[in-house]
PDB file of all heavy atoms in Angstrom:
ATOM      1  N   ALA A   1     -47.213 -41.512  53.973  1.00  0.00           N
ATOM      2  CA  ALA A   1     -47.344 -41.270  55.412  1.00  0.00           C
ATOM      3  C   ALA A   1     -47.227 -39.798  55.773  1.00  0.00           C
ATOM      4  O   ALA A   1     -47.320 -39.437  56.952  1.00  0.00           O
ATOM      5  CB  ALA A   1     -46.285 -42.075  56.166  1.00  0.00           C
ATOM      6  N   GLU A   2     -46.981 -38.950  54.764  1.00  0.00           N
ATOM      7  CA  GLU A   2     -46.874 -37.497  54.964  1.00  0.00           C
ATOM      8  C   GLU A   2     -45.750 -37.153  55.930  1.00  0.00           C
ATOM      9  O   GLU A   2     -45.890 -36.304  56.816  1.00  0.00           O
ATOM     10  CB  GLU A   2     -48.213 -36.928  55.461  1.00  0.00           C
ATOM     11  CG  GLU A   2     -49.364 -37.166  54.502  1.00  0.00           C
ATOM     12  CD  GLU A   2     -50.703 -36.732  55.068  1.00  0.00           C
ATOM     13  OE1 GLU A   2     -50.721 -36.087  56.139  1.00  0.00           O
ATOM     14  OE2 GLU A   2     -51.746 -37.040  54.448  1.00  0.00           O
ATOM     15  N   THR A   3     -44.631 -37.836  55.741  1.00  0.00           N
ATOM     16  CA  THR A   3     -43.465 -37.558  56.572  1.00  0.00           C
ATOM     17  C   THR A   3     -42.271 -37.258  55.674  1.00  0.00           C
ATOM     18  O   THR A   3     -42.292 -37.539  54.466  1.00  0.00           O
ATOM     19  CB  THR A   3     -43.158 -38.743  57.508  1.00  0.00           C
ATOM     20  OG1 THR A   3     -42.193 -38.342  58.485  1.00  0.00           O
ATOM     21  CG2 THR A   3     -42.639 -39.955  56.751  1.00  0.00           C
ATOM     22  N   LYS A   4     -41.223 -36.721  56.254  1.00  0.00           N
ATOM     23  CA  LYS A   4     -40.067 -36.266  55.480  1.00  0.00           C
ATOM     24  C   LYS A   4     -39.316 -37.443  54.849  1.00  0.00           C
ATOM     25  O   LYS A   4     -39.109 -38.474  55.482  1.00  0.00           O
ATOM     26  CB  LYS A   4     -39.110 -35.476  56.389  1.00  0.00           C
ATOM     27  CG  LYS A   4     -37.938 -34.845  55.665  1.00  0.00           C
ATOM     28  CD  LYS A   4     -37.058 -34.060  56.630  1.00  0.00           C
ATOM     29  CE  LYS A   4     -35.943 -33.325  55.902  1.00  0.00           C
ATOM     30  NZ  LYS A   4     -35.043 -34.231  55.160  1.00  0.00           N
ATOM     31  N   ILE A   5     -38.911 -37.251  53.612  1.00  0.00           N
ATOM     32  CA  ILE A   5     -38.075 -38.236  52.918  1.00  0.00           C
ATOM     33  C   ILE A   5     -36.619 -37.812  53.104  1.00  0.00           C
ATOM     34  O   ILE A   5     -36.244 -36.709  52.703  1.00  0.00           O
ATOM     35  CB  ILE A   5     -38.423 -38.298  51.420  1.00  0.00           C
ATOM     36  CG1 ILE A   5     -39.885 -38.718  51.232  1.00  0.00           C
ATOM     37  CG2 ILE A   5     -37.484 -39.257  50.695  1.00  0.00           C
ATOM     38  CD1 ILE A   5     -40.389 -38.593  49.811  1.00  0.00           C
ATOM     39  N   PRO A   6     -35.786 -38.650  53.721  1.00  0.00           N
ATOM     40  CA  PRO A   6     -34.385 -38.264  53.965  1.00  0.00           C
ATOM     41  C   PRO A   6     -33.641 -37.932  52.676  1.00  0.00           C
ATOM     42  O   PRO A   6     -33.870 -38.554  51.630  1.00  0.00           O
ATOM     43  CB  PRO A   6     -33.791 -39.510  54.635  1.00  0.00           C
ATOM     44  CG  PRO A   6     -34.962 -40.220  55.235  1.00  0.00           C
ATOM     45  CD  PRO A   6     -36.102 -39.969  54.289  1.00  0.00           C
ATOM     46  N   ASP A   7     -32.743 -36.978  52.767  1.00  0.00           N
ATOM     47  CA  ASP A   7     -31.994 -36.533  51.593  1.00  0.00           C
ATOM     48  C   ASP A   7     -31.070 -37.614  51.038  1.00  0.00           C
ATOM     49  O   ASP A   7     -30.722 -37.576  49.853  1.00  0.00           O
ATOM     50  CB  ASP A   7     -31.162 -35.290  51.943  1.00  0.00           C
ATOM     51  CG  ASP A   7     -32.035 -34.088  52.253  1.00  0.00           C
ATOM     52  OD1 ASP A   7     -33.197 -34.065  51.779  1.00  0.00           O
ATOM     53  OD2 ASP A   7     -31.566 -33.181  52.969  1.00  0.00           O
ATOM     54  N   ASP A   8     -30.653 -38.569  51.901  1.00  0.00           N
ATOM     55  CA  ASP A   8     -29.701 -39.575  51.419  1.00  0.00           C
ATOM     56  C   ASP A   8     -30.374 -40.740  50.690  1.00  0.00           C
ATOM     57  O   ASP A   8     -29.691 -41.618  50.164  1.00  0.00           O
ATOM     58  CB  ASP A   8     -28.826 -40.103  52.560  1.00  0.00           C
ATOM     59  CG  ASP A   8     -29.613 -40.782  53.665  1.00  0.00           C
ATOM     60  OD1 ASP A   8     -30.857 -40.694  53.653  1.00  0.00           O
ATOM     61  OD2 ASP A   8     -28.988 -41.393  54.552  1.00  0.00           O
ATOM     62  N   MET A   9     -31.705 -40.782  50.652  1.00  0.00           N
ATOM     63  CA  MET A   9     -32.374 -41.782  49.823  1.00  0.00           C
ATOM     64  C   MET A   9     -32.196 -41.400  48.364  1.00  0.00           C
ATOM     65  O   MET A   9     -32.186 -40.226  48.015  1.00  0.00           O
ATOM     66  CB  MET A   9     -33.853 -41.891  50.191  1.00  0.00           C
ATOM     67  CG  MET A   9     -34.086 -42.629  51.498  1.00  0.00           C
ATOM     68  SD  MET A   9     -35.851 -42.979  51.769  1.00  0.00           S
ATOM     69  CE  MET A   9     -35.753 -44.029  53.226  1.00  0.00           C
ATOM     70  N   GLN A  10     -32.070 -42.408  47.502  1.00  0.00           N
ATOM     71  CA  GLN A  10     -31.654 -42.145  46.122  1.00  0.00           C
ATOM     72  C   GLN A  10     -32.778 -42.241  45.089  1.00  0.00           C
ATOM     73  O   GLN A  10     -32.561 -41.944  43.920  1.00  0.00           O
ATOM     74  CB  GLN A  10     -30.522 -43.118  45.745  1.00  0.00           C
ATOM     75  CG  GLN A  10     -29.263 -42.903  46.573  1.00  0.00           C
ATOM     76  CD  GLN A  10     -28.154 -43.873  46.203  1.00  0.00           C
ATOM     77  OE1 GLN A  10     -28.314 -45.076  46.321  1.00  0.00           O
ATOM     78  NE2 GLN A  10     -27.033 -43.348  45.748  1.00  0.00           N
ATOM     79  N   GLY A  11     -33.968 -42.652  45.520  1.00  0.00           N
ATOM     80  CA  GLY A  11     -35.091 -42.720  44.602  1.00  0.00           C
ATOM     81  C   GLY A  11     -36.010 -41.521  44.760  1.00  0.00           C
ATOM     82  O   GLY A  11     -35.657 -40.530  45.399  1.00  0.00           O
ATOM     83  N   ARG A  12     -37.207 -41.622  44.181  1.00  0.00           N
ATOM     84  CA  ARG A  12     -38.192 -40.552  44.270  1.00  0.00           C
ATOM     85  C   ARG A  12     -39.563 -41.142  44.557  1.00  0.00           C
ATOM     86  O   ARG A  12     -39.863 -42.271  44.166  1.00  0.00           O
ATOM     87  CB  ARG A  12     -38.249 -39.758  42.955  1.00  0.00           C
ATOM     88  CG  ARG A  12     -36.981 -39.016  42.631  1.00  0.00           C
ATOM     89  CD  ARG A  12     -37.107 -38.237  41.333  1.00  0.00           C
ATOM     90  NE  ARG A  12     -38.055 -37.129  41.446  1.00  0.00           N
ATOM     91  CZ  ARG A  12     -38.256 -36.233  40.470  1.00  0.00           C
ATOM     92  NH1 ARG A  12     -37.590 -36.331  39.333  1.00  0.00           N
ATOM     93  NH2 ARG A  12     -39.138 -35.255  40.635  1.00  0.00           N
ATOM     94  N   SER A  13     -40.395 -40.374  45.220  1.00  0.00           N
ATOM     95  CA  SER A  13     -41.746 -40.837  45.531  1.00  0.00           C
ATOM     96  C   SER A  13     -42.562 -41.020  44.257  1.00  0.00           C
ATOM     97  O   SER A  13     -42.528 -40.194  43.337  1.00  0.00           O
ATOM     98  CB  SER A  13     -42.450 -39.834  46.436  1.00  0.00           C
ATOM     99  OG  SER A  13     -43.834 -40.133  46.538  1.00  0.00           O
ATOM    100  N   LEU A  14     -43.331 -42.107  44.240  1.00  0.00           N
ATOM    101  CA  LEU A  14     -44.228 -42.381  43.118  1.00  0.00           C
ATOM    102  C   LEU A  14     -45.610 -41.732  43.296  1.00  0.00           C
ATOM    103  O   LEU A  14     -46.459 -41.862  42.411  1.00  0.00           O
ATOM    104  CB  LEU A  14     -44.419 -43.894  42.963  1.00  0.00           C
ATOM    105  CG  LEU A  14     -43.186 -44.713  42.564  1.00  0.00           C
ATOM    106  CD1 LEU A  14     -43.507 -46.188  42.604  1.00  0.00           C
ATOM    107  CD2 LEU A  14     -42.690 -44.306  41.186  1.00  0.00           C
ATOM    108  N   VAL A  15     -45.823 -41.047  44.411  1.00  0.00           N
ATOM    109  CA  VAL A  15     -47.150 -40.478  44.676  1.00  0.00           C
ATOM    110  C   VAL A  15     -47.625 -39.569  43.543  1.00  0.00           C
ATOM    111  O   VAL A  15     -48.749 -39.734  43.044  1.00  0.00           O
ATOM    112  CB  VAL A  15     -47.189 -39.766  46.043  1.00  0.00           C
ATOM    113  CG1 VAL A  15     -48.470 -38.928  46.175  1.00  0.00           C
ATOM    114  CG2 VAL A  15     -47.114 -40.786  47.172  1.00  0.00           C
ATOM    115  N   PRO A  16     -46.828 -38.597  43.067  1.00  0.00           N
ATOM    116  CA  PRO A  16     -47.328 -37.768  41.964  1.00  0.00           C
ATOM    117  C   PRO A  16     -47.601 -38.578  40.692  1.00  0.00           C
ATOM    118  O   PRO A  16     -48.532 -38.266  39.943  1.00  0.00           O
ATOM    119  CB  PRO A  16     -46.220 -36.737  41.739  1.00  0.00           C
ATOM    120  CG  PRO A  16     -45.011 -37.291  42.416  1.00  0.00           C
ATOM    121  CD  PRO A  16     -45.509 -38.119  43.545  1.00  0.00           C
ATOM    122  N   VAL A  17     -46.815 -39.609  40.466  1.00  0.00           N
ATOM    123  CA  VAL A  17     -47.036 -40.474  39.301  1.00  0.00           C
ATOM    124  C   VAL A  17     -48.363 -41.210  39.451  1.00  0.00           C
ATOM    125  O   VAL A  17     -49.159 -41.302  38.503  1.00  0.00           O
ATOM    126  CB  VAL A  17     -45.875 -41.478  39.143  1.00  0.00           C
ATOM    127  CG1 VAL A  17     -46.107 -42.383  37.937  1.00  0.00           C
ATOM    128  CG2 VAL A  17     -44.536 -40.753  39.012  1.00  0.00           C
ATOM    129  N   LEU A  18     -48.615 -41.725  40.652  1.00  0.00           N
ATOM    130  CA  LEU A  18     -49.871 -42.420  40.923  1.00  0.00           C
ATOM    131  C   LEU A  18     -51.074 -41.506  40.756  1.00  0.00           C
ATOM    132  O   LEU A  18     -52.152 -41.939  40.335  1.00  0.00           O
ATOM    133  CB  LEU A  18     -49.848 -43.004  42.334  1.00  0.00           C
ATOM    134  CG  LEU A  18     -48.899 -44.188  42.555  1.00  0.00           C
ATOM    135  CD1 LEU A  18     -48.688 -44.433  44.044  1.00  0.00           C
ATOM    136  CD2 LEU A  18     -49.440 -45.440  41.887  1.00  0.00           C
ATOM    137  N   GLU A  19     -50.889 -40.238  41.066  1.00  0.00           N
ATOM    138  CA  GLU A  19     -51.979 -39.265  40.949  1.00  0.00           C
ATOM    139  C   GLU A  19     -52.149 -38.752  39.520  1.00  0.00           C
ATOM    140  O   GLU A  19     -53.030 -37.933  39.254  1.00  0.00           O
ATOM    141  CB  GLU A  19     -51.726 -38.100  41.899  1.00  0.00           C
ATOM    142  CG  GLU A  19     -51.812 -38.494  43.372  1.00  0.00           C
ATOM    143  CD  GLU A  19     -51.461 -37.365  44.323  1.00  0.00           C
ATOM    144  OE1 GLU A  19     -50.706 -36.451  43.911  1.00  0.00           O
ATOM    145  OE2 GLU A  19     -51.932 -37.385  45.470  1.00  0.00           O
ATOM    146  N   GLY A  20     -51.298 -39.257  38.618  1.00  0.00           N
ATOM    147  CA  GLY A  20     -51.401 -38.849  37.218  1.00  0.00           C
ATOM    148  C   GLY A  20     -50.668 -37.575  36.894  1.00  0.00           C
ATOM    149  O   GLY A  20     -50.906 -36.964  35.838  1.00  0.00           O
ATOM    150  N   ASN A  21     -49.742 -37.176  37.789  1.00  0.00           N
ATOM    151  CA  ASN A  21     -49.009 -35.920  37.595  1.00  0.00           C
ATOM    152  C   ASN A  21     -47.504 -36.178  37.608  1.00  0.00           C
ATOM    153  O   ASN A  21     -46.784 -35.655  38.459  1.00  0.00           O
ATOM    154  CB  ASN A  21     -49.378 -34.913  38.690  1.00  0.00           C
ATOM    155  CG  ASN A  21     -50.849 -34.588  38.706  1.00  0.00           C
ATOM    156  OD1 ASN A  21     -51.432 -34.272  37.665  1.00  0.00           O
ATOM    157  ND2 ASN A  21     -51.473 -34.661  39.870  1.00  0.00           N
ATOM    158  N   THR A  22     -47.022 -36.976  36.680  1.00  0.00           N
ATOM    159  CA  THR A  22     -45.594 -37.275  36.620  1.00  0.00           C
ATOM    160  C   THR A  22     -44.797 -35.976  36.461  1.00  0.00           C
ATOM    161  O   THR A  22     -45.057 -35.194  35.534  1.00  0.00           O
ATOM    162  CB  THR A  22     -45.277 -38.208  35.442  1.00  0.00           C
ATOM    163  OG1 THR A  22     -46.038 -39.414  35.591  1.00  0.00           O
ATOM    164  CG2 THR A  22     -43.793 -38.549  35.405  1.00  0.00           C
ATOM    165  N   PRO A  23     -43.836 -35.720  37.358  1.00  0.00           N
ATOM    166  CA  PRO A  23     -43.041 -34.486  37.251  1.00  0.00           C
ATOM    167  C   PRO A  23     -42.302 -34.408  35.916  1.00  0.00           C
ATOM    168  O   PRO A  23     -41.894 -35.431  35.346  1.00  0.00           O
ATOM    169  CB  PRO A  23     -42.046 -34.617  38.415  1.00  0.00           C
ATOM    170  CG  PRO A  23     -42.717 -35.528  39.398  1.00  0.00           C
ATOM    171  CD  PRO A  23     -43.493 -36.500  38.563  1.00  0.00           C
ATOM    172  N   GLU A  24     -42.127 -33.193  35.430  1.00  0.00           N
ATOM    173  CA  GLU A  24     -41.454 -32.997  34.143  1.00  0.00           C
ATOM    174  C   GLU A  24     -40.016 -33.481  34.178  1.00  0.00           C
ATOM    175  O   GLU A  24     -39.467 -33.879  33.142  1.00  0.00           O
ATOM    176  CB  GLU A  24     -41.501 -31.511  33.751  1.00  0.00           C
ATOM    177  CG  GLU A  24     -42.898 -31.030  33.377  1.00  0.00           C
ATOM    178  CD  GLU A  24     -42.897 -29.593  32.889  1.00  0.00           C
ATOM    179  OE1 GLU A  24     -41.781 -29.025  32.735  1.00  0.00           O
ATOM    180  OE2 GLU A  24     -43.982 -29.047  32.656  1.00  0.00           O
ATOM    181  N   ASP A  25     -39.392 -33.447  35.358  1.00  0.00           N
ATOM    182  CA  ASP A  25     -37.989 -33.863  35.467  1.00  0.00           C
ATOM    183  C   ASP A  25     -37.854 -35.317  35.925  1.00  0.00           C
ATOM    184  O   ASP A  25     -36.826 -35.710  36.470  1.00  0.00           O
ATOM    185  CB  ASP A  25     -37.231 -32.938  36.426  1.00  0.00           C
ATOM    186  CG  ASP A  25     -37.775 -32.983  37.852  1.00  0.00           C
ATOM    187  OD1 ASP A  25     -38.892 -33.528  38.047  1.00  0.00           O
ATOM    188  OD2 ASP A  25     -37.091 -32.488  38.769  1.00  0.00           O
TER     189      ASP A  25
END
């Protein structure tokens, strides 16, 4: 949705993974 992810959420967005660019960390 191109909106801010709150800092207190404990997971991570899968968008880069879906795009084939899994972050190194």
